[in-house]
PDB file of N, CA and C in Angstrom:
ATOM      1  N   UNK A   1     -30.279  24.139  59.173  1.00  0.00           N
ATOM      2  CA  UNK A   1     -30.025  23.739  60.579  1.00  0.00           C
ATOM      3  C   UNK A   1     -28.594  23.456  60.535  1.00  0.00           C
ATOM      4  N   UNK A   2     -27.910  23.872  61.644  1.00  0.00           N
ATOM      5  CA  UNK A   2     -26.548  23.614  62.056  1.00  0.00           C
ATOM      6  C   UNK A   2     -26.623  22.735  63.265  1.00  0.00           C
ATOM      7  N   UNK A   3     -25.978  21.672  63.193  1.00  0.00           N
ATOM      8  CA  UNK A   3     -25.792  20.763  64.424  1.00  0.00           C
ATOM      9  C   UNK A   3     -24.274  20.584  64.660  1.00  0.00           C
ATOM     10  N   UNK A   4     -23.858  20.713  65.860  1.00  0.00           N
ATOM     11  CA  UNK A   4     -22.458  20.575  66.276  1.00  0.00           C
ATOM     12  C   UNK A   4     -22.432  19.824  67.679  1.00  0.00           C
ATOM     13  N   UNK A   5     -22.304  18.580  67.662  1.00  0.00           N
ATOM     14  CA  UNK A   5     -22.221  17.743  68.813  1.00  0.00           C
ATOM     15  C   UNK A   5     -20.820  17.645  69.345  1.00  0.00           C
ATOM     16  N   UNK A   6     -20.452  18.182  70.560  1.00  0.00           N
ATOM     17  CA  UNK A   6     -19.212  18.123  71.188  1.00  0.00           C
ATOM     18  C   UNK A   6     -18.042  18.583  70.265  1.00  0.00           C
ATOM     19  N   UNK A   7     -18.348  19.676  69.573  1.00  0.00           N
ATOM     20  CA  UNK A   7     -17.375  20.242  68.693  1.00  0.00           C
ATOM     21  C   UNK A   7     -16.999  21.686  69.159  1.00  0.00           C
ATOM     22  N   UNK A   8     -17.878  22.472  69.501  1.00  0.00           N
ATOM     23  CA  UNK A   8     -17.719  23.909  69.789  1.00  0.00           C
ATOM     24  C   UNK A   8     -17.109  24.064  71.231  1.00  0.00           C
ATOM     25  N   UNK A   9     -17.093  23.065  72.009  1.00  0.00           N
ATOM     26  CA  UNK A   9     -16.442  23.179  73.222  1.00  0.00           C
ATOM     27  C   UNK A   9     -14.982  23.269  73.278  1.00  0.00           C
ATOM     28  N   UNK A  10     -14.316  23.105  72.098  1.00  0.00           N
ATOM     29  CA  UNK A  10     -12.908  23.169  71.886  1.00  0.00           C
ATOM     30  C   UNK A  10     -12.509  24.619  71.535  1.00  0.00           C
ATOM     31  N   UNK A  11     -13.455  25.473  71.354  1.00  0.00           N
ATOM     32  CA  UNK A  11     -13.157  26.906  71.035  1.00  0.00           C
ATOM     33  C   UNK A  11     -13.105  27.780  72.167  1.00  0.00           C
ATOM     34  N   UNK A  12     -12.255  28.834  72.211  1.00  0.00           N
ATOM     35  CA  UNK A  12     -12.244  29.857  73.211  1.00  0.00           C
ATOM     36  C   UNK A  12     -13.655  30.700  73.042  1.00  0.00           C
ATOM     37  N   UNK A  13     -13.846  31.416  74.108  1.00  0.00           N
ATOM     38  CA  UNK A  13     -15.130  32.327  74.069  1.00  0.00           C
ATOM     39  C   UNK A  13     -15.225  33.188  72.895  1.00  0.00           C
ATOM     40  N   UNK A  14     -14.124  33.928  72.453  1.00  0.00           N
ATOM     41  CA  UNK A  14     -14.125  34.730  71.316  1.00  0.00           C
ATOM     42  C   UNK A  14     -14.335  34.023  70.027  1.00  0.00           C
ATOM     43  N   UNK A  15     -13.681  32.925  69.941  1.00  0.00           N
ATOM     44  CA  UNK A  15     -13.843  31.999  68.791  1.00  0.00           C
ATOM     45  C   UNK A  15     -15.277  31.582  68.633  1.00  0.00           C
ATOM     46  N   UNK A  16     -15.839  31.174  69.816  1.00  0.00           N
ATOM     47  CA  UNK A  16     -17.291  30.713  69.738  1.00  0.00           C
ATOM     48  C   UNK A  16     -18.226  31.822  69.343  1.00  0.00           C
ATOM     49  N   UNK A  17     -17.972  32.938  69.720  1.00  0.00           N
ATOM     50  CA  UNK A  17     -18.846  34.112  69.179  1.00  0.00           C
ATOM     51  C   UNK A  17     -18.638  34.319  67.877  1.00  0.00           C
ATOM     52  N   UNK A  18     -17.499  34.230  67.139  1.00  0.00           N
ATOM     53  CA  UNK A  18     -17.352  34.310  65.804  1.00  0.00           C
ATOM     54  C   UNK A  18     -18.067  33.390  64.972  1.00  0.00           C
ATOM     55  N   UNK A  19     -18.044  32.103  65.596  1.00  0.00           N
ATOM     56  CA  UNK A  19     -18.698  30.943  64.938  1.00  0.00           C
ATOM     57  C   UNK A  19     -20.186  31.067  64.988  1.00  0.00           C
ATOM     58  N   UNK A  20     -20.735  31.512  66.071  1.00  0.00           N
ATOM     59  CA  UNK A  20     -22.190  31.824  66.317  1.00  0.00           C
ATOM     60  C   UNK A  20     -22.601  32.848  65.260  1.00  0.00           C
ATOM     61  N   UNK A  21     -21.911  33.924  65.185  1.00  0.00           N
ATOM     62  CA  UNK A  21     -22.320  35.014  64.289  1.00  0.00           C
ATOM     63  C   UNK A  21     -22.198  34.634  62.732  1.00  0.00           C
ATOM     64  N   UNK A  22     -21.217  33.839  62.389  1.00  0.00           N
ATOM     65  CA  UNK A  22     -21.055  33.317  60.970  1.00  0.00           C
ATOM     66  C   UNK A  22     -22.089  32.361  60.842  1.00  0.00           C
ATOM     67  N   UNK A  23     -22.586  31.477  61.770  1.00  0.00           N
ATOM     68  CA  UNK A  23     -23.542  30.467  61.525  1.00  0.00           C
ATOM     69  C   UNK A  23     -24.837  31.106  61.407  1.00  0.00           C
ATOM     70  N   UNK A  24     -25.111  32.161  62.033  1.00  0.00           N
ATOM     71  CA  UNK A  24     -26.435  32.848  61.869  1.00  0.00           C
ATOM     72  C   UNK A  24     -26.441  33.432  60.320  1.00  0.00           C
ATOM     73  N   UNK A  25     -25.373  33.657  59.859  1.00  0.00           N
ATOM     74  CA  UNK A  25     -25.375  34.182  58.322  1.00  0.00           C
ATOM     75  C   UNK A  25     -25.591  33.264  57.371  1.00  0.00           C
ATOM     76  N   UNK A  26     -25.578  31.967  57.688  1.00  0.00           N
ATOM     77  CA  UNK A  26     -25.763  30.800  56.810  1.00  0.00           C
ATOM     78  C   UNK A  26     -27.042  30.060  56.878  1.00  0.00           C
ATOM     79  N   UNK A  27     -27.874  30.370  57.850  1.00  0.00           N
ATOM     80  CA  UNK A  27     -29.122  29.673  57.880  1.00  0.00           C
ATOM     81  C   UNK A  27     -30.289  30.688  57.506  1.00  0.00           C
ATOM     82  N   UNK A  28     -31.240  30.050  57.012  1.00  0.00           N
ATOM     83  CA  UNK A  28     -32.452  30.788  56.569  1.00  0.00           C
ATOM     84  C   UNK A  28     -33.200  31.410  57.761  1.00  0.00           C
ATOM     85  N   UNK A  29     -34.100  32.340  57.577  1.00  0.00           N
ATOM     86  CA  UNK A  29     -35.008  32.921  58.749  1.00  0.00           C
ATOM     87  C   UNK A  29     -35.587  31.764  59.444  1.00  0.00           C
ATOM     88  N   UNK A  30     -35.420  31.793  60.753  1.00  0.00           N
ATOM     89  CA  UNK A  30     -35.954  30.846  61.643  1.00  0.00           C
ATOM     90  C   UNK A  30     -35.158  29.426  61.648  1.00  0.00           C
ATOM     91  N   UNK A  31     -33.977  29.499  61.006  1.00  0.00           N
ATOM     92  CA  UNK A  31     -33.115  28.278  61.007  1.00  0.00           C
ATOM     93  C   UNK A  31     -32.733  28.015  62.402  1.00  0.00           C
ATOM     94  N   UNK A  32     -32.158  26.790  62.622  1.00  0.00           N
ATOM     95  CA  UNK A  32     -31.909  26.230  63.859  1.00  0.00           C
ATOM     96  C   UNK A  32     -30.362  26.003  64.005  1.00  0.00           C
ATOM     97  N   UNK A  33     -29.910  26.161  65.233  1.00  0.00           N
ATOM     98  CA  UNK A  33     -28.549  25.923  65.677  1.00  0.00           C
ATOM     99  C   UNK A  33     -28.571  25.106  66.888  1.00  0.00           C
ATOM    100  N   UNK A  34     -28.224  23.889  66.858  1.00  0.00           N
ATOM    101  CA  UNK A  34     -28.100  22.981  68.021  1.00  0.00           C
ATOM    102  C   UNK A  34     -26.784  22.526  68.227  1.00  0.00           C
ATOM    103  N   UNK A  35     -26.387  22.501  69.447  1.00  0.00           N
ATOM    104  CA  UNK A  35     -24.963  22.214  69.772  1.00  0.00           C
ATOM    105  C   UNK A  35     -24.892  21.726  71.336  1.00  0.00           C
ATOM    106  N   UNK A  36     -23.826  21.045  71.586  1.00  0.00           N
ATOM    107  CA  UNK A  36     -23.504  20.608  72.995  1.00  0.00           C
ATOM    108  C   UNK A  36     -22.134  21.265  73.452  1.00  0.00           C
ATOM    109  N   UNK A  37     -22.148  21.728  74.584  1.00  0.00           N
ATOM    110  CA  UNK A  37     -20.748  22.115  75.285  1.00  0.00           C
ATOM    111  C   UNK A  37     -20.746  21.613  76.705  1.00  0.00           C
ATOM    112  N   UNK A  38     -19.596  21.631  77.294  1.00  0.00           N
ATOM    113  CA  UNK A  38     -19.578  21.206  78.615  1.00  0.00           C
ATOM    114  C   UNK A  38     -19.992  22.319  79.649  1.00  0.00           C
ATOM    115  N   UNK A  39     -20.721  21.904  80.704  1.00  0.00           N
ATOM    116  CA  UNK A  39     -21.100  22.868  81.658  1.00  0.00           C
ATOM    117  C   UNK A  39     -19.965  23.182  82.630  1.00  0.00           C
ATOM    118  N   UNK A  40     -19.839  24.389  83.123  1.00  0.00           N
ATOM    119  CA  UNK A  40     -18.921  24.656  84.079  1.00  0.00           C
ATOM    120  C   UNK A  40     -18.281  26.116  83.905  1.00  0.00           C
ATOM    121  N   UNK A  41     -17.232  26.309  84.587  1.00  0.00           N
ATOM    122  CA  UNK A  41     -16.529  27.625  84.567  1.00  0.00           C
ATOM    123  C   UNK A  41     -15.103  27.420  84.145  1.00  0.00           C
ATOM    124  N   UNK A  42     -14.641  28.468  83.330  1.00  0.00           N
ATOM    125  CA  UNK A  42     -13.183  28.518  82.874  1.00  0.00           C
ATOM    126  C   UNK A  42     -12.882  27.692  81.805  1.00  0.00           C
ATOM    127  N   UNK A  43     -11.611  27.394  81.617  1.00  0.00           N
ATOM    128  CA  UNK A  43     -11.065  26.504  80.664  1.00  0.00           C
ATOM    129  C   UNK A  43     -10.154  25.442  81.116  1.00  0.00           C
ATOM    130  N   UNK A  44      -9.922  24.473  80.233  1.00  0.00           N
ATOM    131  CA  UNK A  44      -8.831  23.449  80.760  1.00  0.00           C
ATOM    132  C   UNK A  44      -8.201  22.856  79.513  1.00  0.00           C
ATOM    133  N   UNK A  45      -7.221  22.030  79.679  1.00  0.00           N
ATOM    134  CA  UNK A  45      -6.553  21.177  78.797  1.00  0.00           C
ATOM    135  C   UNK A  45      -6.721  19.691  79.363  1.00  0.00           C
ATOM    136  N   UNK A  46      -6.955  18.777  78.412  1.00  0.00           N
ATOM    137  CA  UNK A  46      -7.009  17.440  78.943  1.00  0.00           C
ATOM    138  C   UNK A  46      -6.268  16.419  77.931  1.00  0.00           C
ATOM    139  N   UNK A  47      -5.728  15.402  78.350  1.00  0.00           N
ATOM    140  CA  UNK A  47      -5.161  14.335  77.459  1.00  0.00           C
ATOM    141  C   UNK A  47      -6.016  13.128  77.472  1.00  0.00           C
ATOM    142  N   UNK A  48      -7.156  13.164  78.235  1.00  0.00           N
ATOM    143  CA  UNK A  48      -8.010  12.139  78.404  1.00  0.00           C
ATOM    144  C   UNK A  48      -8.540  11.633  76.960  1.00  0.00           C
ATOM    145  N   UNK A  49      -8.790  10.297  76.833  1.00  0.00           N
ATOM    146  CA  UNK A  49      -9.333   9.589  75.781  1.00  0.00           C
ATOM    147  C   UNK A  49      -8.437   9.519  74.545  1.00  0.00           C
ATOM    148  N   UNK A  50      -7.844  10.593  74.050  1.00  0.00           N
ATOM    149  CA  UNK A  50      -7.117  10.590  72.844  1.00  0.00           C
ATOM    150  C   UNK A  50      -5.619  10.485  73.146  1.00  0.00           C
ATOM    151  N   UNK A  51      -5.262  10.756  74.329  1.00  0.00           N
ATOM    152  CA  UNK A  51      -3.723  10.736  74.656  1.00  0.00           C
ATOM    153  C   UNK A  51      -3.040  12.000  74.108  1.00  0.00           C
ATOM    154  N   UNK A  52      -3.830  12.956  73.596  1.00  0.00           N
ATOM    155  CA  UNK A  52      -3.300  14.242  72.938  1.00  0.00           C
ATOM    156  C   UNK A  52      -3.946  15.416  73.636  1.00  0.00           C
ATOM    157  N   UNK A  53      -3.340  16.392  73.775  1.00  0.00           N
ATOM    158  CA  UNK A  53      -3.913  17.701  74.565  1.00  0.00           C
ATOM    159  C   UNK A  53      -5.013  18.282  73.663  1.00  0.00           C
ATOM    160  N   UNK A  54      -6.152  18.419  74.393  1.00  0.00           N
ATOM    161  CA  UNK A  54      -7.258  19.124  73.800  1.00  0.00           C
ATOM    162  C   UNK A  54      -7.709  20.223  74.747  1.00  0.00           C
ATOM    163  N   UNK A  55      -8.191  21.267  74.187  1.00  0.00           N
ATOM    164  CA  UNK A  55      -8.675  22.417  75.003  1.00  0.00           C
ATOM    165  C   UNK A  55     -10.189  22.369  75.112  1.00  0.00           C
ATOM    166  N   UNK A  56     -10.662  22.811  76.373  1.00  0.00           N
ATOM    167  CA  UNK A  56     -12.028  22.802  76.503  1.00  0.00           C
ATOM    168  C   UNK A  56     -12.484  24.103  77.251  1.00  0.00           C
ATOM    169  N   UNK A  57     -13.479  24.727  76.825  1.00  0.00           N
ATOM    170  CA  UNK A  57     -14.113  25.842  77.391  1.00  0.00           C
ATOM    171  C   UNK A  57     -15.491  25.458  78.004  1.00  0.00           C
ATOM    172  N   UNK A  58     -15.651  25.856  79.285  1.00  0.00           N
ATOM    173  CA  UNK A  58     -16.844  25.388  79.860  1.00  0.00           C
ATOM    174  C   UNK A  58     -17.816  26.612  79.980  1.00  0.00           C
ATOM    175  N   UNK A  59     -19.120  26.355  79.965  1.00  0.00           N
ATOM    176  CA  UNK A  59     -20.151  27.414  79.802  1.00  0.00           C
ATOM    177  C   UNK A  59     -21.146  27.230  80.927  1.00  0.00           C
ATOM    178  N   UNK A  60     -21.794  28.324  81.210  1.00  0.00           N
ATOM    179  CA  UNK A  60     -22.984  28.479  82.019  1.00  0.00           C
ATOM    180  C   UNK A  60     -24.210  28.975  81.059  1.00  0.00           C
ATOM    181  N   UNK A  61     -25.374  28.499  81.468  1.00  0.00           N
ATOM    182  CA  UNK A  61     -26.479  28.996  80.701  1.00  0.00           C
ATOM    183  C   UNK A  61     -26.599  30.395  80.376  1.00  0.00           C
ATOM    184  N   UNK A  62     -26.305  31.222  81.312  1.00  0.00           N
ATOM    185  CA  UNK A  62     -26.416  32.662  81.168  1.00  0.00           C
ATOM    186  C   UNK A  62     -25.488  33.234  80.184  1.00  0.00           C
ATOM    187  N   UNK A  63     -24.220  32.625  80.075  1.00  0.00           N
ATOM    188  CA  UNK A  63     -23.160  33.082  79.222  1.00  0.00           C
ATOM    189  C   UNK A  63     -23.511  32.724  77.775  1.00  0.00           C
ATOM    190  N   UNK A  64     -24.158  31.535  77.602  1.00  0.00           N
ATOM    191  CA  UNK A  64     -24.528  31.073  76.278  1.00  0.00           C
ATOM    192  C   UNK A  64     -25.695  32.010  75.755  1.00  0.00           C
ATOM    193  N   UNK A  65     -26.702  32.250  76.625  1.00  0.00           N
ATOM    194  CA  UNK A  65     -27.834  33.014  76.220  1.00  0.00           C
ATOM    195  C   UNK A  65     -27.309  34.399  75.689  1.00  0.00           C
ATOM    196  N   UNK A  66     -26.327  35.021  76.488  1.00  0.00           N
ATOM    197  CA  UNK A  66     -25.801  36.341  76.178  1.00  0.00           C
ATOM    198  C   UNK A  66     -25.146  36.297  74.796  1.00  0.00           C
ATOM    199  N   UNK A  67     -24.310  35.433  74.622  1.00  0.00           N
ATOM    200  CA  UNK A  67     -23.644  35.297  73.229  1.00  0.00           C
ATOM    201  C   UNK A  67     -24.518  35.074  72.180  1.00  0.00           C
ATOM    202  N   UNK A  68     -25.401  34.097  72.298  1.00  0.00           N
ATOM    203  CA  UNK A  68     -26.409  33.802  71.335  1.00  0.00           C
ATOM    204  C   UNK A  68     -27.333  35.003  70.924  1.00  0.00           C
ATOM    205  N   UNK A  69     -27.753  35.701  71.902  1.00  0.00           N
ATOM    206  CA  UNK A  69     -28.597  36.959  71.717  1.00  0.00           C
ATOM    207  C   UNK A  69     -27.811  37.914  71.013  1.00  0.00           C
ATOM    208  N   UNK A  70     -26.645  38.070  71.275  1.00  0.00           N
ATOM    209  CA  UNK A  70     -25.793  39.189  70.677  1.00  0.00           C
ATOM    210  C   UNK A  70     -25.331  38.908  69.184  1.00  0.00           C
ATOM    211  N   UNK A  71     -25.571  37.537  68.821  1.00  0.00           N
ATOM    212  CA  UNK A  71     -25.085  37.120  67.370  1.00  0.00           C
ATOM    213  C   UNK A  71     -26.329  36.722  66.617  1.00  0.00           C
ATOM    214  N   UNK A  72     -27.503  37.125  66.973  1.00  0.00           N
ATOM    215  CA  UNK A  72     -28.685  36.912  66.282  1.00  0.00           C
ATOM    216  C   UNK A  72     -29.391  35.638  66.398  1.00  0.00           C
ATOM    217  N   UNK A  73     -29.344  35.101  67.469  1.00  0.00           N
ATOM    218  CA  UNK A  73     -29.995  33.807  67.908  1.00  0.00           C
ATOM    219  C   UNK A  73     -30.928  34.105  68.930  1.00  0.00           C
ATOM    220  N   UNK A  74     -32.157  33.374  68.914  1.00  0.00           N
ATOM    221  CA  UNK A  74     -33.029  33.311  70.046  1.00  0.00           C
ATOM    222  C   UNK A  74     -32.937  31.900  70.747  1.00  0.00           C
ATOM    223  N   UNK A  75     -32.540  31.919  72.062  1.00  0.00           N
ATOM    224  CA  UNK A  75     -32.361  30.628  72.764  1.00  0.00           C
ATOM    225  C   UNK A  75     -33.775  30.026  72.956  1.00  0.00           C
ATOM    226  N   UNK A  76     -33.848  28.822  72.406  1.00  0.00           N
ATOM    227  CA  UNK A  76     -35.213  28.066  72.638  1.00  0.00           C
ATOM    228  C   UNK A  76     -35.040  27.164  73.835  1.00  0.00           C
ATOM    229  N   UNK A  77     -33.882  26.426  74.008  1.00  0.00           N
ATOM    230  CA  UNK A  77     -33.776  25.531  75.158  1.00  0.00           C
ATOM    231  C   UNK A  77     -32.318  25.388  75.499  1.00  0.00           C
ATOM    232  N   UNK A  78     -31.999  25.232  76.868  1.00  0.00           N
ATOM    233  CA  UNK A  78     -30.684  24.811  77.278  1.00  0.00           C
ATOM    234  C   UNK A  78     -30.984  23.735  78.325  1.00  0.00           C
ATOM    235  N   UNK A  79     -30.661  22.628  78.064  1.00  0.00           N
ATOM    236  CA  UNK A  79     -30.917  21.466  79.017  1.00  0.00           C
ATOM    237  C   UNK A  79     -29.585  21.029  79.416  1.00  0.00           C
ATOM    238  N   UNK A  80     -29.564  20.696  80.791  1.00  0.00           N
ATOM    239  CA  UNK A  80     -28.351  20.220  81.388  1.00  0.00           C
ATOM    240  C   UNK A  80     -28.540  18.642  81.396  1.00  0.00           C
ATOM    241  N   UNK A  81     -27.472  17.909  80.867  1.00  0.00           N
ATOM    242  CA  UNK A  81     -27.427  16.531  80.752  1.00  0.00           C
ATOM    243  C   UNK A  81     -26.340  16.031  81.659  1.00  0.00           C
ATOM    244  N   UNK A  82     -26.552  15.226  82.642  1.00  0.00           N
ATOM    245  CA  UNK A  82     -25.567  14.720  83.528  1.00  0.00           C
ATOM    246  C   UNK A  82     -24.764  13.666  82.775  1.00  0.00           C
ATOM    247  N   UNK A  83     -23.425  13.766  82.711  1.00  0.00           N
ATOM    248  CA  UNK A  83     -22.566  12.741  82.141  1.00  0.00           C
ATOM    249  C   UNK A  83     -21.693  12.043  83.047  1.00  0.00           C
ATOM    250  N   UNK A  84     -21.035  11.102  82.763  1.00  0.00           N
ATOM    251  CA  UNK A  84     -20.314  10.201  83.595  1.00  0.00           C
ATOM    252  C   UNK A  84     -18.991  10.923  84.034  1.00  0.00           C
ATOM    253  N   UNK A  85     -18.400  11.931  83.318  1.00  0.00           N
ATOM    254  CA  UNK A  85     -17.209  12.550  83.743  1.00  0.00           C
ATOM    255  C   UNK A  85     -17.460  14.123  83.727  1.00  0.00           C
ATOM    256  N   UNK A  86     -18.556  14.594  83.079  1.00  0.00           N
ATOM    257  CA  UNK A  86     -18.789  16.023  83.012  1.00  0.00           C
ATOM    258  C   UNK A  86     -20.322  16.142  82.699  1.00  0.00           C
ATOM    259  N   UNK A  87     -20.897  17.317  83.248  1.00  0.00           N
ATOM    260  CA  UNK A  87     -22.142  17.713  82.849  1.00  0.00           C
ATOM    261  C   UNK A  87     -22.171  18.472  81.494  1.00  0.00           C
ATOM    262  N   UNK A  88     -23.169  18.368  80.657  1.00  0.00           N
ATOM    263  CA  UNK A  88     -23.157  18.936  79.284  1.00  0.00           C
ATOM    264  C   UNK A  88     -24.559  19.863  79.272  1.00  0.00           C
ATOM    265  N   UNK A  89     -24.400  20.789  78.370  1.00  0.00           N
ATOM    266  CA  UNK A  89     -25.503  21.711  78.032  1.00  0.00           C
ATOM    267  C   UNK A  89     -25.875  21.323  76.625  1.00  0.00           C
ATOM    268  N   UNK A  90     -27.145  21.021  76.370  1.00  0.00           N
ATOM    269  CA  UNK A  90     -27.693  20.731  75.101  1.00  0.00           C
ATOM    270  C   UNK A  90     -28.510  22.006  74.803  1.00  0.00           C
ATOM    271  N   UNK A  91     -28.175  22.648  73.664  1.00  0.00           N
ATOM    272  CA  UNK A  91     -28.564  23.939  73.305  1.00  0.00           C
ATOM    273  C   UNK A  91     -29.324  23.899  71.918  1.00  0.00           C
ATOM    274  N   UNK A  92     -30.555  24.591  71.945  1.00  0.00           N
ATOM    275  CA  UNK A  92     -31.155  24.790  70.571  1.00  0.00           C
ATOM    276  C   UNK A  92     -31.580  26.309  70.647  1.00  0.00           C
ATOM    277  N   UNK A  93     -31.156  26.838  69.467  1.00  0.00           N
ATOM    278  CA  UNK A  93     -31.462  28.290  69.265  1.00  0.00           C
ATOM    279  C   UNK A  93     -32.026  28.484  67.861  1.00  0.00           C
ATOM    280  N   UNK A  94     -32.876  29.513  67.735  1.00  0.00           N
ATOM    281  CA  UNK A  94     -33.465  29.775  66.348  1.00  0.00           C
ATOM    282  C   UNK A  94     -33.037  31.143  65.917  1.00  0.00           C
ATOM    283  N   UNK A  95     -32.799  31.293  64.704  1.00  0.00           N
ATOM    284  CA  UNK A  95     -32.310  32.585  64.043  1.00  0.00           C
ATOM    285  C   UNK A  95     -33.400  33.615  64.286  1.00  0.00           C
ATOM    286  N   UNK A  96     -32.989  34.775  64.584  1.00  0.00           N
ATOM    287  CA  UNK A  96     -33.898  35.924  64.887  1.00  0.00           C
ATOM    288  C   UNK A  96     -34.063  36.640  63.627  1.00  0.00           C
TER     289      UNK A  96
END
């Protein structure tokens, strides 16, 4: 199993796809990939919390399902969790 809580949201879409593909290569058959990303559209930079610039890529369910499917993952669930400053997508996928 691979778990990435609030990590992959800092990657661009192309980088995320590379990580999803490489992650599929390191888990056994039916291994799991669980992660969280921020829900929304586009990208942004923020200095909030750390006082240093951080990049965020926002995702919709359909975008994640497409990338996961094309990189060898079956999406088991995508749940929206309402946060205090942003909504999150909690994702669980299984290796095909």
